[in-house]
């Protein structure tokens, strides 16, 4: 998934593409693209309920990207929040059953 960070009228916005990520075998990777500036931004991914890996531990991305193994997560559809500089959106990830 790609997390785009951009500005509208001087305010930071964030958009994740695709909004519904169908995860396949192997791993999932979130990549941050900062269109607002050359400065790396911190991105927080939090789970509205449990994550596919169990628990609600957040994922913190410090610029660049983050990769997570899809070995062992529970199947299902999960809504998560992507937050950058106080602005949040809520895409989803779907992990199909075997």
N, C-alpha and C. Protein backbone atom coordinates (compact mmCIF):
# COMPACT_ATOMS: atom_id res chain seq x y z
N UNK A 1 0.85 -1.17 0.00
CA UNK A 1 0.00 0.00 0.00
C UNK A 1 0.90 1.23 0.00
N UNK A 2 0.45 2.28 -0.61
CA UNK A 2 1.19 3.53 -0.65
C UNK A 2 0.45 4.58 0.16
N UNK A 3 1.16 5.24 1.06
CA UNK A 3 0.60 6.30 1.88
C UNK A 3 1.11 7.62 1.33
N UNK A 4 0.21 8.41 0.74
CA UNK A 4 0.57 9.71 0.18
C UNK A 4 0.32 10.79 1.22
N UNK A 5 1.33 11.63 1.45
CA UNK A 5 1.21 12.78 2.35
C UNK A 5 1.28 14.02 1.47
N UNK A 6 0.27 14.89 1.61
CA UNK A 6 0.22 16.09 0.77
C UNK A 6 -0.40 17.23 1.57
N UNK A 7 -0.43 18.43 1.00
CA UNK A 7 -1.00 19.57 1.69
C UNK A 7 -2.11 20.20 0.85
N UNK A 8 -3.14 20.66 1.57
CA UNK A 8 -4.23 21.43 0.98
C UNK A 8 -4.41 22.66 1.85
N UNK A 9 -4.26 23.84 1.25
CA UNK A 9 -4.38 25.11 1.99
C UNK A 9 -3.49 25.12 3.23
N UNK A 10 -2.28 24.58 3.11
CA UNK A 10 -1.31 24.59 4.20
C UNK A 10 -1.53 23.52 5.27
N UNK A 11 -2.54 22.67 5.11
CA UNK A 11 -2.80 21.62 6.08
C UNK A 11 -2.41 20.26 5.52
N UNK A 12 -1.76 19.46 6.36
CA UNK A 12 -1.33 18.13 5.95
C UNK A 12 -2.53 17.21 5.78
N UNK A 13 -2.50 16.43 4.72
CA UNK A 13 -3.52 15.41 4.46
C UNK A 13 -2.81 14.10 4.17
N UNK A 14 -3.55 13.00 4.28
CA UNK A 14 -2.99 11.68 4.01
C UNK A 14 -4.02 10.87 3.26
N UNK A 15 -3.53 10.06 2.32
CA UNK A 15 -4.40 9.18 1.55
C UNK A 15 -3.66 7.90 1.27
N UNK A 16 -4.28 6.77 1.58
CA UNK A 16 -3.69 5.47 1.35
C UNK A 16 -4.31 4.83 0.12
N UNK A 17 -3.47 4.26 -0.71
CA UNK A 17 -3.96 3.61 -1.92
C UNK A 17 -3.37 2.21 -2.00
N UNK A 18 -4.21 1.22 -2.17
CA UNK A 18 -5.66 1.28 -2.31
C UNK A 18 -6.34 1.41 -0.94
N UNK A 19 -7.59 1.84 -0.95
CA UNK A 19 -8.34 1.97 0.30
C UNK A 19 -8.69 0.60 0.88
N UNK A 20 -8.86 -0.40 0.03
CA UNK A 20 -9.03 -1.78 0.49
C UNK A 20 -7.91 -2.59 -0.12
N UNK A 21 -6.98 -2.99 0.72
CA UNK A 21 -5.81 -3.74 0.27
C UNK A 21 -6.09 -5.22 0.42
N UNK A 22 -6.06 -5.95 -0.69
CA UNK A 22 -6.18 -7.41 -0.66
C UNK A 22 -4.79 -8.00 -0.53
N UNK A 23 -4.47 -8.51 0.64
CA UNK A 23 -3.14 -9.04 0.91
C UNK A 23 -3.01 -10.45 0.38
N UNK A 24 -1.90 -10.73 -0.25
CA UNK A 24 -1.63 -12.06 -0.76
C UNK A 24 -0.57 -12.75 0.07
N UNK A 25 -0.01 -13.81 -0.43
CA UNK A 25 1.02 -14.53 0.33
C UNK A 25 2.30 -13.71 0.45
N UNK A 26 3.08 -14.00 1.46
CA UNK A 26 4.39 -13.35 1.61
C UNK A 26 4.38 -12.28 2.67
N UNK A 27 4.27 -11.01 2.22
CA UNK A 27 4.32 -9.90 3.18
C UNK A 27 3.49 -8.74 2.63
N UNK A 28 3.26 -7.78 3.51
CA UNK A 28 2.60 -6.53 3.13
C UNK A 28 3.60 -5.41 3.39
N UNK A 29 3.58 -4.41 2.54
CA UNK A 29 4.50 -3.29 2.71
C UNK A 29 3.73 -1.99 2.56
N UNK A 30 3.96 -1.09 3.51
CA UNK A 30 3.43 0.26 3.41
C UNK A 30 4.59 1.17 3.03
N UNK A 31 4.42 1.98 1.99
CA UNK A 31 5.44 2.91 1.52
C UNK A 31 4.90 4.33 1.65
N UNK A 32 5.68 5.21 2.26
CA UNK A 32 5.28 6.60 2.45
C UNK A 32 5.87 7.47 1.35
N UNK A 33 5.00 8.22 0.67
CA UNK A 33 5.43 9.18 -0.35
C UNK A 33 5.01 10.56 0.14
N UNK A 34 5.99 11.39 0.48
CA UNK A 34 5.72 12.73 1.00
C UNK A 34 5.75 13.73 -0.14
N UNK A 35 4.57 14.18 -0.56
CA UNK A 35 4.46 15.16 -1.64
C UNK A 35 4.46 16.59 -1.10
N UNK A 36 4.43 16.73 0.23
CA UNK A 36 4.33 18.05 0.85
C UNK A 36 5.69 18.70 1.06
N UNK A 37 6.73 17.89 1.32
CA UNK A 37 8.06 18.46 1.56
C UNK A 37 9.11 17.37 1.42
N UNK A 38 10.36 17.77 1.52
CA UNK A 38 11.48 16.82 1.47
C UNK A 38 11.78 16.22 2.85
N UNK A 39 11.10 16.70 3.87
CA UNK A 39 11.33 16.24 5.23
C UNK A 39 10.60 14.92 5.48
N UNK A 40 11.27 13.92 6.01
CA UNK A 40 10.58 12.67 6.33
C UNK A 40 9.49 12.91 7.38
N UNK A 41 8.37 12.22 7.24
CA UNK A 41 7.27 12.34 8.19
C UNK A 41 7.10 11.04 8.95
N UNK A 42 6.57 11.15 10.15
CA UNK A 42 6.25 9.98 10.96
C UNK A 42 4.81 9.58 10.68
N UNK A 43 4.60 8.31 10.43
CA UNK A 43 3.27 7.78 10.15
C UNK A 43 2.95 6.73 11.22
N UNK A 44 1.76 6.83 11.78
CA UNK A 44 1.30 5.83 12.75
C UNK A 44 0.14 5.05 12.14
N UNK A 45 0.23 3.73 12.21
CA UNK A 45 -0.87 2.86 11.81
C UNK A 45 -1.39 2.21 13.09
N UNK A 46 -2.65 2.44 13.37
CA UNK A 46 -3.28 1.85 14.54
C UNK A 46 -4.50 1.06 14.08
N UNK A 47 -4.88 0.10 14.87
CA UNK A 47 -5.97 -0.81 14.51
C UNK A 47 -7.23 -0.42 15.26
N UNK A 48 -8.36 -0.39 14.57
CA UNK A 48 -9.61 -0.03 15.22
C UNK A 48 -10.08 -1.13 16.16
N UNK A 49 -9.73 -2.36 15.85
CA UNK A 49 -9.94 -3.50 16.74
C UNK A 49 -8.62 -4.24 16.78
N UNK A 50 -8.62 -5.54 16.92
CA UNK A 50 -7.37 -6.30 16.87
C UNK A 50 -6.78 -6.26 15.47
N UNK A 51 -5.46 -6.36 15.40
CA UNK A 51 -4.77 -6.43 14.11
C UNK A 51 -4.81 -7.87 13.61
N UNK A 52 -4.48 -8.11 12.35
CA UNK A 52 -4.43 -9.48 11.84
C UNK A 52 -3.41 -10.34 12.59
N UNK A 53 -2.42 -9.72 13.22
CA UNK A 53 -1.38 -10.44 13.95
C UNK A 53 -1.74 -10.61 15.42
N UNK A 54 -2.92 -10.11 15.82
CA UNK A 54 -3.35 -10.18 17.21
C UNK A 54 -2.90 -8.95 17.98
N UNK A 55 -3.70 -8.49 18.88
CA UNK A 55 -3.36 -7.31 19.68
C UNK A 55 -3.60 -6.03 18.91
N UNK A 56 -3.28 -4.93 19.56
CA UNK A 56 -3.51 -3.62 18.95
C UNK A 56 -2.24 -2.79 18.86
N UNK A 57 -1.09 -3.44 18.92
CA UNK A 57 0.18 -2.71 18.88
C UNK A 57 0.27 -1.89 17.59
N UNK A 58 0.57 -0.59 17.71
CA UNK A 58 0.66 0.26 16.52
C UNK A 58 1.91 -0.04 15.69
N UNK A 59 1.85 0.36 14.45
CA UNK A 59 3.00 0.31 13.56
C UNK A 59 3.46 1.74 13.37
N UNK A 60 4.73 2.00 13.59
CA UNK A 60 5.28 3.34 13.43
C UNK A 60 6.26 3.32 12.27
N UNK A 61 6.00 4.19 11.29
CA UNK A 61 6.86 4.29 10.11
C UNK A 61 7.58 5.62 10.19
N UNK A 62 8.89 5.57 10.23
CA UNK A 62 9.71 6.79 10.28
C UNK A 62 10.26 7.06 8.88
N UNK A 63 9.48 7.79 8.07
CA UNK A 63 9.87 8.00 6.68
C UNK A 63 9.87 6.67 5.94
N UNK A 64 10.23 6.61 4.73
CA UNK A 64 10.43 5.36 3.99
C UNK A 64 9.29 4.37 3.97
N UNK A 65 9.58 3.13 4.42
CA UNK A 65 8.56 2.09 4.32
C UNK A 65 8.66 1.10 5.47
N UNK A 66 7.66 0.22 5.52
CA UNK A 66 7.58 -0.79 6.57
C UNK A 66 7.03 -2.07 5.95
N UNK A 67 7.67 -3.19 6.23
CA UNK A 67 7.23 -4.48 5.70
C UNK A 67 6.87 -5.40 6.86
N UNK A 68 5.76 -6.13 6.70
CA UNK A 68 5.30 -7.06 7.74
C UNK A 68 4.96 -8.39 7.10
N UNK A 69 5.42 -9.47 7.71
CA UNK A 69 5.18 -10.82 7.19
C UNK A 69 3.70 -11.19 7.29
N UNK A 70 3.24 -11.90 6.28
CA UNK A 70 1.88 -12.42 6.30
C UNK A 70 1.85 -13.89 6.68
N UNK A 71 2.92 -14.36 7.29
CA UNK A 71 2.96 -15.72 7.81
C UNK A 71 2.34 -15.68 9.20
N UNK A 72 1.22 -16.36 9.37
CA UNK A 72 0.61 -16.47 10.68
C UNK A 72 -0.52 -15.51 11.03
N UNK A 73 -0.84 -14.47 10.24
CA UNK A 73 -1.94 -13.60 10.65
C UNK A 73 -3.28 -14.29 10.43
N UNK A 74 -4.28 -13.81 11.14
CA UNK A 74 -5.64 -14.34 10.98
C UNK A 74 -6.26 -13.77 9.71
N UNK A 75 -7.08 -14.60 9.06
CA UNK A 75 -7.77 -14.10 7.87
C UNK A 75 -8.93 -13.21 8.33
N UNK A 76 -9.38 -12.38 7.42
CA UNK A 76 -10.48 -11.47 7.71
C UNK A 76 -10.22 -10.09 7.14
N UNK A 77 -11.16 -9.19 7.43
CA UNK A 77 -11.07 -7.81 6.95
C UNK A 77 -10.87 -6.90 8.16
N UNK A 78 -9.86 -6.04 8.10
CA UNK A 78 -9.46 -5.22 9.23
C UNK A 78 -9.41 -3.75 8.84
N UNK A 79 -10.07 -2.92 9.61
CA UNK A 79 -10.03 -1.47 9.41
C UNK A 79 -8.90 -0.92 10.28
N UNK A 80 -8.10 -0.04 9.70
CA UNK A 80 -7.00 0.56 10.46
C UNK A 80 -6.95 2.05 10.21
N UNK A 81 -6.26 2.78 11.06
CA UNK A 81 -6.12 4.23 10.93
C UNK A 81 -4.68 4.55 10.53
N UNK A 82 -4.55 5.46 9.58
CA UNK A 82 -3.25 5.99 9.18
C UNK A 82 -3.24 7.46 9.61
N UNK A 83 -2.29 7.84 10.48
CA UNK A 83 -2.24 9.20 11.02
C UNK A 83 -0.90 9.84 10.71
N UNK A 84 -0.98 11.07 10.17
CA UNK A 84 0.20 11.88 9.89
C UNK A 84 -0.11 13.31 10.34
N UNK A 85 0.73 13.85 11.22
CA UNK A 85 0.58 15.24 11.69
C UNK A 85 -0.85 15.55 12.14
N UNK A 86 -1.49 14.61 12.81
CA UNK A 86 -2.83 14.85 13.36
C UNK A 86 -3.97 14.58 12.40
N UNK A 87 -3.71 14.31 11.14
CA UNK A 87 -4.77 13.99 10.18
C UNK A 87 -4.84 12.48 10.03
N UNK A 88 -6.05 11.93 10.08
CA UNK A 88 -6.25 10.48 10.06
C UNK A 88 -7.23 10.07 8.97
N UNK A 89 -6.96 8.92 8.37
CA UNK A 89 -7.93 8.28 7.48
C UNK A 89 -8.02 6.81 7.87
N UNK A 90 -9.00 6.09 7.31
CA UNK A 90 -9.23 4.72 7.78
C UNK A 90 -9.44 3.72 6.64
N UNK A 91 -8.34 3.29 6.01
CA UNK A 91 -8.44 2.24 4.99
C UNK A 91 -8.63 0.87 5.62
N UNK A 92 -8.67 -0.17 4.77
CA UNK A 92 -8.86 -1.54 5.25
C UNK A 92 -7.87 -2.47 4.58
N UNK A 93 -7.63 -3.60 5.25
CA UNK A 93 -6.81 -4.67 4.68
C UNK A 93 -7.63 -5.95 4.79
N UNK A 94 -7.60 -6.75 3.73
CA UNK A 94 -8.29 -8.02 3.74
C UNK A 94 -7.28 -9.14 3.53
N UNK A 95 -7.29 -10.09 4.45
CA UNK A 95 -6.40 -11.24 4.36
C UNK A 95 -7.27 -12.45 4.12
N UNK A 96 -7.16 -13.04 2.93
CA UNK A 96 -8.04 -14.17 2.59
C UNK A 96 -7.65 -15.43 3.36
N UNK A 97 -8.63 -16.29 3.58
CA UNK A 97 -8.36 -17.57 4.23
C UNK A 97 -7.67 -18.51 3.26
N UNK A 98 -7.09 -19.54 3.78
CA UNK A 98 -6.35 -20.50 2.92
C UNK A 98 -7.28 -21.46 2.27
